[in-house]
Amino acid sequence: MILLRALLVAVLVSVGPAVALVTSAGSATSVVAPPGDTIVDITGDAANGFEIRHYDGSSIYPPTDSEALAECREYDRRVARVRCRTEVLTWYRDLAATQQALDWAHQAGSA
């Protein structure tokens, strides 16, 4: 569960600066590359697994929703299991929304 929380934090933090910053000094324009851990693409889905690609070329593969939910069943207390399932479902919902936003941004950028 800690891995899922860390991945969610990485997604939420990285999406903000996903577009390269452009600065201009006089007539010269320079492009500043985003941090290497900036998310540039998300492919897949919760059932089959996501791939999260970063600007530096690295990728991470969070567990599928069924794997994550199976981990939730390992908690002893019902409240902990419910909390874990809620976190997993929220995380995958937000990951899919981020994927959709990136797809839209990529389409808008190519127009």
PDB file of N, CA and C in Angstrom:
ATOM      1  N   MET A   1       0.821  -1.175   0.000  1.00  0.00           N
ATOM      2  CA  MET A   1       0.000   0.000   0.000  1.00  0.00           C
ATOM      3  C   MET A   1       0.873   1.249   0.000  1.00  0.00           C
ATOM      4  N   ILE A   2       2.015   1.163   0.658  1.00  0.00           N
ATOM      5  CA  ILE A   2       2.936   2.296   0.678  1.00  0.00           C
ATOM      6  C   ILE A   2       3.415   2.601  -0.734  1.00  0.00           C
ATOM      7  N   LEU A   3       3.637   1.554  -1.540  1.00  0.00           N
ATOM      8  CA  LEU A   3       4.056   1.742  -2.930  1.00  0.00           C
ATOM      9  C   LEU A   3       2.988   2.503  -3.707  1.00  0.00           C
ATOM     10  N   LEU A   4       1.726   2.148  -3.504  1.00  0.00           N
ATOM     11  CA  LEU A   4       0.644   2.843  -4.208  1.00  0.00           C
ATOM     12  C   LEU A   4       0.584   4.313  -3.816  1.00  0.00           C
ATOM     13  N   ARG A   5       0.741   4.575  -2.529  1.00  0.00           N
ATOM     14  CA  ARG A   5       0.726   5.974  -2.076  1.00  0.00           C
ATOM     15  C   ARG A   5       1.889   6.750  -2.682  1.00  0.00           C
ATOM     16  N   ALA A   6       3.061   6.142  -2.705  1.00  0.00           N
ATOM     17  CA  ALA A   6       4.234   6.813  -3.275  1.00  0.00           C
ATOM     18  C   ALA A   6       4.035   7.082  -4.760  1.00  0.00           C
ATOM     19  N   LEU A   7       3.441   6.130  -5.473  1.00  0.00           N
ATOM     20  CA  LEU A   7       3.193   6.327  -6.902  1.00  0.00           C
ATOM     21  C   LEU A   7       2.175   7.433  -7.139  1.00  0.00           C
ATOM     22  N   LEU A   8       1.119   7.471  -6.296  1.00  0.00           N
ATOM     23  CA  LEU A   8       0.115   8.525  -6.445  1.00  0.00           C
ATOM     24  C   LEU A   8       0.739   9.891  -6.217  1.00  0.00           C
ATOM     25  N   VAL A   9       1.556  10.015  -5.201  1.00  0.00           N
ATOM     26  CA  VAL A   9       2.236  11.283  -4.936  1.00  0.00           C
ATOM     27  C   VAL A   9       3.117  11.658  -6.124  1.00  0.00           C
ATOM     28  N   ALA A  10       3.829  10.686  -6.685  1.00  0.00           N
ATOM     29  CA  ALA A  10       4.690  10.961  -7.835  1.00  0.00           C
ATOM     30  C   ALA A  10       3.868  11.433  -9.027  1.00  0.00           C
ATOM     31  N   VAL A  11       2.710  10.822  -9.242  1.00  0.00           N
ATOM     32  CA  VAL A  11       1.842  11.224 -10.354  1.00  0.00           C
ATOM     33  C   VAL A  11       1.349  12.642 -10.143  1.00  0.00           C
ATOM     34  N   LEU A  12       0.827  12.923  -8.963  1.00  0.00           N
ATOM     35  CA  LEU A  12       0.249  14.241  -8.710  1.00  0.00           C
ATOM     36  C   LEU A  12       1.298  15.347  -8.730  1.00  0.00           C
ATOM     37  N   VAL A  13       2.482  15.069  -8.220  1.00  0.00           N
ATOM     38  CA  VAL A  13       3.548  16.073  -8.205  1.00  0.00           C
ATOM     39  C   VAL A  13       4.107  16.299  -9.599  1.00  0.00           C
ATOM     40  N   SER A  14       4.233  15.239 -10.382  1.00  0.00           N
ATOM     41  CA  SER A  14       4.878  15.340 -11.688  1.00  0.00           C
ATOM     42  C   SER A  14       3.992  15.928 -12.766  1.00  0.00           C
ATOM     43  N   VAL A  15       2.693  15.792 -12.643  1.00  0.00           N
ATOM     44  CA  VAL A  15       1.811  16.257 -13.704  1.00  0.00           C
ATOM     45  C   VAL A  15       1.846  17.774 -13.823  1.00  0.00           C
ATOM     46  N   GLY A  16       2.010  18.483 -12.705  1.00  0.00           N
ATOM     47  CA  GLY A  16       2.012  19.944 -12.736  1.00  0.00           C
ATOM     48  C   GLY A  16       3.022  20.519 -13.715  1.00  0.00           C
ATOM     49  N   PRO A  17       4.304  20.152 -13.656  1.00  0.00           N
ATOM     50  CA  PRO A  17       5.297  20.733 -14.558  1.00  0.00           C
ATOM     51  C   PRO A  17       5.505  19.929 -15.833  1.00  0.00           C
ATOM     52  N   ALA A  18       4.456  19.231 -16.315  1.00  0.00           N
ATOM     53  CA  ALA A  18       4.630  18.323 -17.448  1.00  0.00           C
ATOM     54  C   ALA A  18       4.972  19.034 -18.749  1.00  0.00           C
ATOM     55  N   VAL A  19       4.749  20.321 -18.837  1.00  0.00           N
ATOM     56  CA  VAL A  19       5.051  21.063 -20.056  1.00  0.00           C
ATOM     57  C   VAL A  19       6.371  21.805 -19.854  1.00  0.00           C
ATOM     58  N   ALA A  20       7.229  21.766 -20.838  1.00  0.00           N
ATOM     59  CA  ALA A  20       8.518  22.454 -20.736  1.00  0.00           C
ATOM     60  C   ALA A  20       8.300  23.949 -20.543  1.00  0.00           C
ATOM     61  N   LEU A  21       9.122  24.552 -19.720  1.00  0.00           N
ATOM     62  CA  LEU A  21       9.039  25.984 -19.475  1.00  0.00           C
ATOM     63  C   LEU A  21       9.798  26.734 -20.566  1.00  0.00           C
ATOM     64  N   VAL A  22       9.187  27.798 -21.052  1.00  0.00           N
ATOM     65  CA  VAL A  22       9.837  28.608 -22.071  1.00  0.00           C
ATOM     66  C   VAL A  22      10.088  29.985 -21.473  1.00  0.00           C
ATOM     67  N   THR A  23      11.327  30.418 -21.545  1.00  0.00           N
ATOM     68  CA  THR A  23      11.671  31.741 -21.061  1.00  0.00           C
ATOM     69  C   THR A  23      12.262  32.545 -22.203  1.00  0.00           C
ATOM     70  N   SER A  24      12.115  33.853 -22.139  1.00  0.00           N
ATOM     71  CA  SER A  24      12.706  34.683 -23.183  1.00  0.00           C
ATOM     72  C   SER A  24      13.549  35.768 -22.545  1.00  0.00           C
ATOM     73  N   ALA A  25      14.741  35.944 -23.064  1.00  0.00           N
ATOM     74  CA  ALA A  25      15.655  36.979 -22.613  1.00  0.00           C
ATOM     75  C   ALA A  25      15.972  37.841 -23.823  1.00  0.00           C
ATOM     76  N   GLY A  26      15.342  39.010 -23.884  1.00  0.00           N
ATOM     77  CA  GLY A  26      15.516  39.856 -25.061  1.00  0.00           C
ATOM     78  C   GLY A  26      14.884  39.185 -26.253  1.00  0.00           C
ATOM     79  N   SER A  27      15.664  38.984 -27.330  1.00  0.00           N
ATOM     80  CA  SER A  27      15.137  38.343 -28.524  1.00  0.00           C
ATOM     81  C   SER A  27      15.415  36.839 -28.546  1.00  0.00           C
ATOM     82  N   ALA A  28      16.260  36.371 -27.636  1.00  0.00           N
ATOM     83  CA  ALA A  28      16.596  34.942 -27.606  1.00  0.00           C
ATOM     84  C   ALA A  28      15.586  34.194 -26.739  1.00  0.00           C
ATOM     85  N   THR A  29      15.171  33.027 -27.199  1.00  0.00           N
ATOM     86  CA  THR A  29      14.242  32.187 -26.446  1.00  0.00           C
ATOM     87  C   THR A  29      14.931  30.866 -26.131  1.00  0.00           C
ATOM     88  N   SER A  30      14.867  30.469 -24.872  1.00  0.00           N
ATOM     89  CA  SER A  30      15.471  29.190 -24.500  1.00  0.00           C
ATOM     90  C   SER A  30      14.400  28.302 -23.877  1.00  0.00           C
ATOM     91  N   VAL A  31      14.517  27.022 -24.135  1.00  0.00           N
ATOM     92  CA  VAL A  31      13.587  26.050 -23.578  1.00  0.00           C
ATOM     93  C   VAL A  31      14.283  25.334 -22.438  1.00  0.00           C
ATOM     94  N   VAL A  32      13.627  25.317 -21.275  1.00  0.00           N
ATOM     95  CA  VAL A  32      14.168  24.644 -20.109  1.00  0.00           C
ATOM     96  C   VAL A  32      13.467  23.292 -19.995  1.00  0.00           C
ATOM     97  N   ALA A  33      14.232  22.229 -19.999  1.00  0.00           N
ATOM     98  CA  ALA A  33      13.649  20.892 -19.919  1.00  0.00           C
ATOM     99  C   ALA A  33      13.029  20.664 -18.537  1.00  0.00           C
ATOM    100  N   PRO A  34      11.935  19.914 -18.481  1.00  0.00           N
ATOM    101  CA  PRO A  34      11.327  19.617 -17.183  1.00  0.00           C
ATOM    102  C   PRO A  34      12.187  18.638 -16.393  1.00  0.00           C
ATOM    103  N   PRO A  35      11.923  18.478 -15.109  1.00  0.00           N
ATOM    104  CA  PRO A  35      12.667  17.489 -14.320  1.00  0.00           C
ATOM    105  C   PRO A  35      12.506  16.096 -14.928  1.00  0.00           C
ATOM    106  N   GLY A  36      13.484  15.251 -14.746  1.00  0.00           N
ATOM    107  CA  GLY A  36      13.469  13.917 -15.334  1.00  0.00           C
ATOM    108  C   GLY A  36      12.301  13.055 -14.903  1.00  0.00           C
ATOM    109  N   ASP A  37      11.773  13.280 -13.688  1.00  0.00           N
ATOM    110  CA  ASP A  37      10.672  12.450 -13.211  1.00  0.00           C
ATOM    111  C   ASP A  37       9.295  12.966 -13.638  1.00  0.00           C
ATOM    112  N   THR A  38       9.259  13.954 -14.517  1.00  0.00           N
ATOM    113  CA  THR A  38       7.992  14.473 -15.019  1.00  0.00           C
ATOM    114  C   THR A  38       7.311  13.410 -15.881  1.00  0.00           C
ATOM    115  N   ILE A  39       6.045  13.173 -15.615  1.00  0.00           N
ATOM    116  CA  ILE A  39       5.284  12.173 -16.371  1.00  0.00           C
ATOM    117  C   ILE A  39       4.971  12.727 -17.749  1.00  0.00           C
ATOM    118  N   VAL A  40       5.300  11.959 -18.780  1.00  0.00           N
ATOM    119  CA  VAL A  40       5.029  12.396 -20.145  1.00  0.00           C
ATOM    120  C   VAL A  40       3.978  11.543 -20.833  1.00  0.00           C
ATOM    121  N   ASP A  41       3.735  10.323 -20.322  1.00  0.00           N
ATOM    122  CA  ASP A  41       2.727   9.476 -20.942  1.00  0.00           C
ATOM    123  C   ASP A  41       2.304   8.376 -19.983  1.00  0.00           C
ATOM    124  N   ILE A  42       1.033   7.997 -20.077  1.00  0.00           N
ATOM    125  CA  ILE A  42       0.495   6.876 -19.318  1.00  0.00           C
ATOM    126  C   ILE A  42      -0.261   6.008 -20.300  1.00  0.00           C
ATOM    127  N   THR A  43       0.076   4.732 -20.342  1.00  0.00           N
ATOM    128  CA  THR A  43      -0.636   3.803 -21.213  1.00  0.00           C
ATOM    129  C   THR A  43      -1.203   2.664 -20.370  1.00  0.00           C
ATOM    130  N   GLY A  44      -2.168   1.957 -20.919  1.00  0.00           N
ATOM    131  CA  GLY A  44      -2.753   0.814 -20.245  1.00  0.00           C
ATOM    132  C   GLY A  44      -4.030   1.161 -19.518  1.00  0.00           C
ATOM    133  N   ASP A  45      -4.449   0.240 -18.665  1.00  0.00           N
ATOM    134  CA  ASP A  45      -5.640   0.454 -17.852  1.00  0.00           C
ATOM    135  C   ASP A  45      -5.482  -0.307 -16.539  1.00  0.00           C
ATOM    136  N   ALA A  46      -6.433  -0.090 -15.631  1.00  0.00           N
ATOM    137  CA  ALA A  46      -6.321  -0.681 -14.300  1.00  0.00           C
ATOM    138  C   ALA A  46      -6.348  -2.203 -14.338  1.00  0.00           C
ATOM    139  N   ALA A  47      -7.178  -2.773 -15.195  1.00  0.00           N
ATOM    140  CA  ALA A  47      -7.321  -4.233 -15.232  1.00  0.00           C
ATOM    141  C   ALA A  47      -6.076  -4.930 -15.775  1.00  0.00           C
ATOM    142  N   ASN A  48      -5.435  -4.337 -16.765  1.00  0.00           N
ATOM    143  CA  ASN A  48      -4.282  -4.961 -17.414  1.00  0.00           C
ATOM    144  C   ASN A  48      -2.951  -4.367 -16.987  1.00  0.00           C
ATOM    145  N   GLY A  49      -2.990  -3.290 -16.247  1.00  0.00           N
ATOM    146  CA  GLY A  49      -1.776  -2.640 -15.774  1.00  0.00           C
ATOM    147  C   GLY A  49      -1.452  -1.375 -16.547  1.00  0.00           C
ATOM    148  N   PHE A  50      -0.953  -0.398 -15.846  1.00  0.00           N
ATOM    149  CA  PHE A  50      -0.535   0.871 -16.431  1.00  0.00           C
ATOM    150  C   PHE A  50       0.974   0.888 -16.616  1.00  0.00           C
ATOM    151  N   GLU A  51       1.415   1.691 -17.569  1.00  0.00           N
ATOM    152  CA  GLU A  51       2.831   2.040 -17.692  1.00  0.00           C
ATOM    153  C   GLU A  51       2.889   3.553 -17.578  1.00  0.00           C
ATOM    154  N   ILE A  52       3.712   4.036 -16.680  1.00  0.00           N
ATOM    155  CA  ILE A  52       3.892   5.479 -16.493  1.00  0.00           C
ATOM    156  C   ILE A  52       5.286   5.822 -16.981  1.00  0.00           C
ATOM    157  N   ARG A  53       5.374   6.620 -18.064  1.00  0.00           N
ATOM    158  CA  ARG A  53       6.675   6.990 -18.640  1.00  0.00           C
ATOM    159  C   ARG A  53       7.056   8.399 -18.209  1.00  0.00           C
ATOM    160  N   HIS A  54       8.340   8.558 -17.900  1.00  0.00           N
ATOM    161  CA  HIS A  54       8.872   9.847 -17.455  1.00  0.00           C
ATOM    162  C   HIS A  54       9.729  10.497 -18.541  1.00  0.00           C
ATOM    163  N   TYR A  55       9.967  11.778 -18.354  1.00  0.00           N
ATOM    164  CA  TYR A  55      10.749  12.563 -19.309  1.00  0.00           C
ATOM    165  C   TYR A  55      12.154  12.000 -19.494  1.00  0.00           C
ATOM    166  N   ASP A  56      12.750  11.461 -18.427  1.00  0.00           N
ATOM    167  CA  ASP A  56      14.115  10.936 -18.514  1.00  0.00           C
ATOM    168  C   ASP A  56      14.191   9.553 -19.181  1.00  0.00           C
ATOM    169  N   GLY A  57      13.043   9.024 -19.633  1.00  0.00           N
ATOM    170  CA  GLY A  57      13.021   7.738 -20.316  1.00  0.00           C
ATOM    171  C   GLY A  57      12.710   6.560 -19.411  1.00  0.00           C
ATOM    172  N   SER A  58      12.670   6.764 -18.115  1.00  0.00           N
ATOM    173  CA  SER A  58      12.356   5.670 -17.204  1.00  0.00           C
ATOM    174  C   SER A  58      10.848   5.405 -17.193  1.00  0.00           C
ATOM    175  N   SER A  59      10.479   4.227 -16.769  1.00  0.00           N
ATOM    176  CA  SER A  59       9.071   3.841 -16.681  1.00  0.00           C
ATOM    177  C   SER A  59       8.828   3.103 -15.379  1.00  0.00           C
ATOM    178  N   ILE A  60       7.599   3.212 -14.875  1.00  0.00           N
ATOM    179  CA  ILE A  60       7.188   2.421 -13.724  1.00  0.00           C
ATOM    180  C   ILE A  60       5.893   1.707 -14.083  1.00  0.00           C
ATOM    181  N   TYR A  61       5.689   0.581 -13.450  1.00  0.00           N
ATOM    182  CA  TYR A  61       4.532  -0.263 -13.733  1.00  0.00           C
ATOM    183  C   TYR A  61       3.836  -0.598 -12.418  1.00  0.00           C
ATOM    184  N   PRO A  62       2.833   0.194 -12.030  1.00  0.00           N
ATOM    185  CA  PRO A  62       2.121  -0.129 -10.790  1.00  0.00           C
ATOM    186  C   PRO A  62       1.371  -1.449 -10.943  1.00  0.00           C
ATOM    187  N   PRO A  63       1.044  -2.101  -9.821  1.00  0.00           N
ATOM    188  CA  PRO A  63       0.322  -3.367  -9.919  1.00  0.00           C
ATOM    189  C   PRO A  63      -1.057  -3.160 -10.536  1.00  0.00           C
ATOM    190  N   THR A  64      -1.616  -4.230 -11.104  1.00  0.00           N
ATOM    191  CA  THR A  64      -2.978  -4.126 -11.637  1.00  0.00           C
ATOM    192  C   THR A  64      -3.936  -3.921 -10.476  1.00  0.00           C
ATOM    193  N   ASP A  65      -5.159  -3.500 -10.796  1.00  0.00           N
ATOM    194  CA  ASP A  65      -6.122  -3.268  -9.724  1.00  0.00           C
ATOM    195  C   ASP A  65      -6.425  -4.547  -8.953  1.00  0.00           C
ATOM    196  N   SER A  66      -6.465  -5.681  -9.629  1.00  0.00           N
ATOM    197  CA  SER A  66      -6.748  -6.939  -8.919  1.00  0.00           C
ATOM    198  C   SER A  66      -5.604  -7.311  -7.975  1.00  0.00           C
ATOM    199  N   GLU A  67      -4.369  -7.055  -8.377  1.00  0.00           N
ATOM    200  CA  GLU A  67      -3.226  -7.317  -7.498  1.00  0.00           C
ATOM    201  C   GLU A  67      -3.256  -6.401  -6.280  1.00  0.00           C
ATOM    202  N   ALA A  68      -3.560  -5.132  -6.516  1.00  0.00           N
ATOM    203  CA  ALA A  68      -3.606  -4.170  -5.414  1.00  0.00           C
ATOM    204  C   ALA A  68      -4.756  -4.495  -4.458  1.00  0.00           C
ATOM    205  N   LEU A  69      -5.912  -4.864  -5.014  1.00  0.00           N
ATOM    206  CA  LEU A  69      -7.045  -5.213  -4.162  1.00  0.00           C
ATOM    207  C   LEU A  69      -6.778  -6.511  -3.390  1.00  0.00           C
ATOM    208  N   ALA A  70      -6.049  -7.434  -3.992  1.00  0.00           N
ATOM    209  CA  ALA A  70      -5.677  -8.663  -3.284  1.00  0.00           C
ATOM    210  C   ALA A  70      -4.794  -8.338  -2.084  1.00  0.00           C
ATOM    211  N   GLU A  71      -3.932  -7.361  -2.240  1.00  0.00           N
ATOM    212  CA  GLU A  71      -3.090  -6.932  -1.124  1.00  0.00           C
ATOM    213  C   GLU A  71      -3.948  -6.378   0.006  1.00  0.00           C
ATOM    214  N   CYS A  72      -5.041  -5.709  -0.350  1.00  0.00           N
ATOM    215  CA  CYS A  72      -5.931  -5.147   0.670  1.00  0.00           C
ATOM    216  C   CYS A  72      -6.566  -6.241   1.526  1.00  0.00           C
ATOM    217  N   ARG A  73      -6.806  -7.400   0.953  1.00  0.00           N
ATOM    218  CA  ARG A  73      -7.430  -8.499   1.696  1.00  0.00           C
ATOM    219  C   ARG A  73      -6.514  -9.060   2.785  1.00  0.00           C
ATOM    220  N   GLU A  74      -5.253  -8.684   2.767  1.00  0.00           N
ATOM    221  CA  GLU A  74      -4.312  -9.179   3.768  1.00  0.00           C
ATOM    222  C   GLU A  74      -4.423  -8.447   5.105  1.00  0.00           C
ATOM    223  N   TYR A  75      -5.128  -7.316   5.136  1.00  0.00           N
ATOM    224  CA  TYR A  75      -5.303  -6.593   6.393  1.00  0.00           C
ATOM    225  C   TYR A  75      -6.250  -7.360   7.307  1.00  0.00           C
ATOM    226  N   ASP A  76      -5.973  -7.338   8.606  1.00  0.00           N
ATOM    227  CA  ASP A  76      -6.786  -8.083   9.572  1.00  0.00           C
ATOM    228  C   ASP A  76      -8.127  -7.410   9.866  1.00  0.00           C
ATOM    229  N   ARG A  77      -8.097  -6.118  10.035  1.00  0.00           N
ATOM    230  CA  ARG A  77      -9.320  -5.405  10.434  1.00  0.00           C
ATOM    231  C   ARG A  77     -10.120  -4.969   9.212  1.00  0.00           C
ATOM    232  N   ARG A  78     -11.437  -5.074   9.330  1.00  0.00           N
ATOM    233  CA  ARG A  78     -12.341  -4.712   8.228  1.00  0.00           C
ATOM    234  C   ARG A  78     -12.161  -3.245   7.832  1.00  0.00           C
ATOM    235  N   VAL A  79     -12.012  -2.366   8.808  1.00  0.00           N
ATOM    236  CA  VAL A  79     -11.843  -0.939   8.522  1.00  0.00           C
ATOM    237  C   VAL A  79     -10.598  -0.712   7.672  1.00  0.00           C
ATOM    238  N   ALA A  80      -9.530  -1.409   7.981  1.00  0.00           N
ATOM    239  CA  ALA A  80      -8.286  -1.265   7.213  1.00  0.00           C
ATOM    240  C   ALA A  80      -8.468  -1.785   5.791  1.00  0.00           C
ATOM    241  N   ARG A  81      -9.208  -2.898   5.631  1.00  0.00           N
ATOM    242  CA  ARG A  81      -9.463  -3.436   4.284  1.00  0.00           C
ATOM    243  C   ARG A  81     -10.296  -2.468   3.459  1.00  0.00           C
ATOM    244  N   VAL A  82     -11.325  -1.879   4.064  1.00  0.00           N
ATOM    245  CA  VAL A  82     -12.182  -0.920   3.357  1.00  0.00           C
ATOM    246  C   VAL A  82     -11.384   0.314   2.972  1.00  0.00           C
ATOM    247  N   ARG A  83     -10.572   0.814   3.891  1.00  0.00           N
ATOM    248  CA  ARG A  83      -9.739   1.991   3.599  1.00  0.00           C
ATOM    249  C   ARG A  83      -8.780   1.695   2.450  1.00  0.00           C
ATOM    250  N   CYS A  84      -8.156   0.536   2.477  1.00  0.00           N
ATOM    251  CA  CYS A  84      -7.220   0.145   1.421  1.00  0.00           C
ATOM    252  C   CYS A  84      -7.927   0.069   0.073  1.00  0.00           C
ATOM    253  N   ARG A  85      -9.097  -0.584   0.022  1.00  0.00           N
ATOM    254  CA  ARG A  85      -9.838  -0.696  -1.246  1.00  0.00           C
ATOM    255  C   ARG A  85     -10.230   0.673  -1.770  1.00  0.00           C
ATOM    256  N   THR A  86     -10.642   1.560  -0.872  1.00  0.00           N
ATOM    257  CA  THR A  86     -11.021   2.919  -1.280  1.00  0.00           C
ATOM    258  C   THR A  86      -9.823   3.658  -1.853  1.00  0.00           C
ATOM    259  N   GLU A  87      -8.672   3.526  -1.210  1.00  0.00           N
ATOM    260  CA  GLU A  87      -7.453   4.167  -1.716  1.00  0.00           C
ATOM    261  C   GLU A  87      -7.074   3.622  -3.089  1.00  0.00           C
ATOM    262  N   VAL A  88      -7.166   2.303  -3.275  1.00  0.00           N
ATOM    263  CA  VAL A  88      -6.820   1.684  -4.554  1.00  0.00           C
ATOM    264  C   VAL A  88      -7.746   2.183  -5.654  1.00  0.00           C
ATOM    265  N   LEU A  89      -9.055   2.150  -5.390  1.00  0.00           N
ATOM    266  CA  LEU A  89     -10.014   2.585  -6.411  1.00  0.00           C
ATOM    267  C   LEU A  89      -9.845   4.059  -6.751  1.00  0.00           C
ATOM    268  N   THR A  90      -9.594   4.877  -5.737  1.00  0.00           N
ATOM    269  CA  THR A  90      -9.367   6.311  -5.975  1.00  0.00           C
ATOM    270  C   THR A  90      -8.094   6.520  -6.777  1.00  0.00           C
ATOM    271  N   TRP A  91      -7.041   5.787  -6.433  1.00  0.00           N
ATOM    272  CA  TRP A  91      -5.761   5.939  -7.122  1.00  0.00           C
ATOM    273  C   TRP A  91      -5.897   5.597  -8.596  1.00  0.00           C
ATOM    274  N   TYR A  92      -6.571   4.481  -8.906  1.00  0.00           N
ATOM    275  CA  TYR A  92      -6.724   4.086 -10.306  1.00  0.00           C
ATOM    276  C   TYR A  92      -7.675   5.017 -11.062  1.00  0.00           C
ATOM    277  N   ARG A  93      -8.695   5.537 -10.396  1.00  0.00           N
ATOM    278  CA  ARG A  93      -9.566   6.527 -11.027  1.00  0.00           C
ATOM    279  C   ARG A  93      -8.755   7.768 -11.404  1.00  0.00           C
ATOM    280  N   ASP A  94      -7.925   8.245 -10.468  1.00  0.00           N
ATOM    281  CA  ASP A  94      -7.107   9.431 -10.730  1.00  0.00           C
ATOM    282  C   ASP A  94      -6.043   9.165 -11.779  1.00  0.00           C
ATOM    283  N   LEU A  95      -5.495   7.977 -11.794  1.00  0.00           N
ATOM    284  CA  LEU A  95      -4.495   7.623 -12.810  1.00  0.00           C
ATOM    285  C   LEU A  95      -5.129   7.630 -14.201  1.00  0.00           C
ATOM    286  N   ALA A  96      -6.345   7.100 -14.327  1.00  0.00           N
ATOM    287  CA  ALA A  96      -7.055   7.116 -15.612  1.00  0.00           C
ATOM    288  C   ALA A  96      -7.384   8.549 -16.028  1.00  0.00           C
ATOM    289  N   ALA A  97      -7.760   9.402 -15.074  1.00  0.00           N
ATOM    290  CA  ALA A  97      -8.050  10.803 -15.392  1.00  0.00           C
ATOM    291  C   ALA A  97      -6.786  11.524 -15.855  1.00  0.00           C
ATOM    292  N   THR A  98      -5.653  11.232 -15.225  1.00  0.00           N
ATOM    293  CA  THR A  98      -4.380  11.825 -15.640  1.00  0.00           C
ATOM    294  C   THR A  98      -4.004  11.356 -17.036  1.00  0.00           C
ATOM    295  N   GLN A  99      -4.244  10.074 -17.313  1.00  0.00           N
ATOM    296  CA  GLN A  99      -3.980   9.524 -18.644  1.00  0.00           C
ATOM    297  C   GLN A  99      -4.813  10.272 -19.690  1.00  0.00           C
ATOM    298  N   GLN A 100      -6.071  10.494 -19.397  1.00  0.00           N
ATOM    299  CA  GLN A 100      -6.947  11.216 -20.328  1.00  0.00           C
ATOM    300  C   GLN A 100      -6.468  12.652 -20.524  1.00  0.00           C
ATOM    301  N   ALA A 101      -6.048  13.317 -19.458  1.00  0.00           N
ATOM    302  CA  ALA A 101      -5.558  14.688 -19.559  1.00  0.00           C
ATOM    303  C   ALA A 101      -4.284  14.763 -20.402  1.00  0.00           C
ATOM    304  N   LEU A 102      -3.374  13.808 -20.218  1.00  0.00           N
ATOM    305  CA  LEU A 102      -2.151  13.786 -21.014  1.00  0.00           C
ATOM    306  C   LEU A 102      -2.461  13.540 -22.491  1.00  0.00           C
ATOM    307  N   ASP A 103      -3.404  12.632 -22.764  1.00  0.00           N
ATOM    308  CA  ASP A 103      -3.800  12.382 -24.154  1.00  0.00           C
ATOM    309  C   ASP A 103      -4.349  13.655 -24.788  1.00  0.00           C
ATOM    310  N   TRP A 104      -5.176  14.371 -24.055  1.00  0.00           N
ATOM    311  CA  TRP A 104      -5.750  15.616 -24.563  1.00  0.00           C
ATOM    312  C   TRP A 104      -4.646  16.653 -24.791  1.00  0.00           C
ATOM    313  N   ALA A 105      -3.717  16.773 -23.851  1.00  0.00           N
ATOM    314  CA  ALA A 105      -2.619  17.740 -23.980  1.00  0.00           C
ATOM    315  C   ALA A 105      -1.736  17.411 -25.175  1.00  0.00           C
ATOM    316  N   HIS A 106      -1.472  16.120 -25.401  1.00  0.00           N
ATOM    317  CA  HIS A 106      -0.657  15.726 -26.555  1.00  0.00           C
ATOM    318  C   HIS A 106      -1.368  16.058 -27.862  1.00  0.00           C
ATOM    319  N   GLN A 107      -2.684  15.874 -27.919  1.00  0.00           N
ATOM    320  CA  GLN A 107      -3.450  16.198 -29.137  1.00  0.00           C
ATOM    321  C   GLN A 107      -3.474  17.706 -29.354  1.00  0.00           C
ATOM    322  N   ALA A 108      -3.669  18.467 -28.296  1.00  0.00           N
ATOM    323  CA  ALA A 108      -3.715  19.931 -28.417  1.00  0.00           C
ATOM    324  C   ALA A 108      -2.354  20.482 -28.823  1.00  0.00           C
ATOM    325  N   GLY A 109      -1.281  19.861 -28.342  1.00  0.00           N
ATOM    326  CA  GLY A 109       0.057  20.319 -28.669  1.00  0.00           C
ATOM    327  C   GLY A 109       0.465  20.053 -30.109  1.00  0.00           C
ATOM    328  N   SER A 110      -0.154  19.065 -30.735  1.00  0.00           N
ATOM    329  CA  SER A 110       0.215  18.741 -32.110  1.00  0.00           C
ATOM    330  C   SER A 110      -0.622  19.498 -33.129  1.00  0.00           C
ATOM    331  N   ALA A 111      -1.634  20.216 -32.655  1.00  0.00           N
ATOM    332  CA  ALA A 111      -2.511  20.965 -33.571  1.00  0.00           C
ATOM    333  C   ALA A 111      -1.899  22.267 -34.008  1.00  0.00           C
TER     334      ALA A 111
END
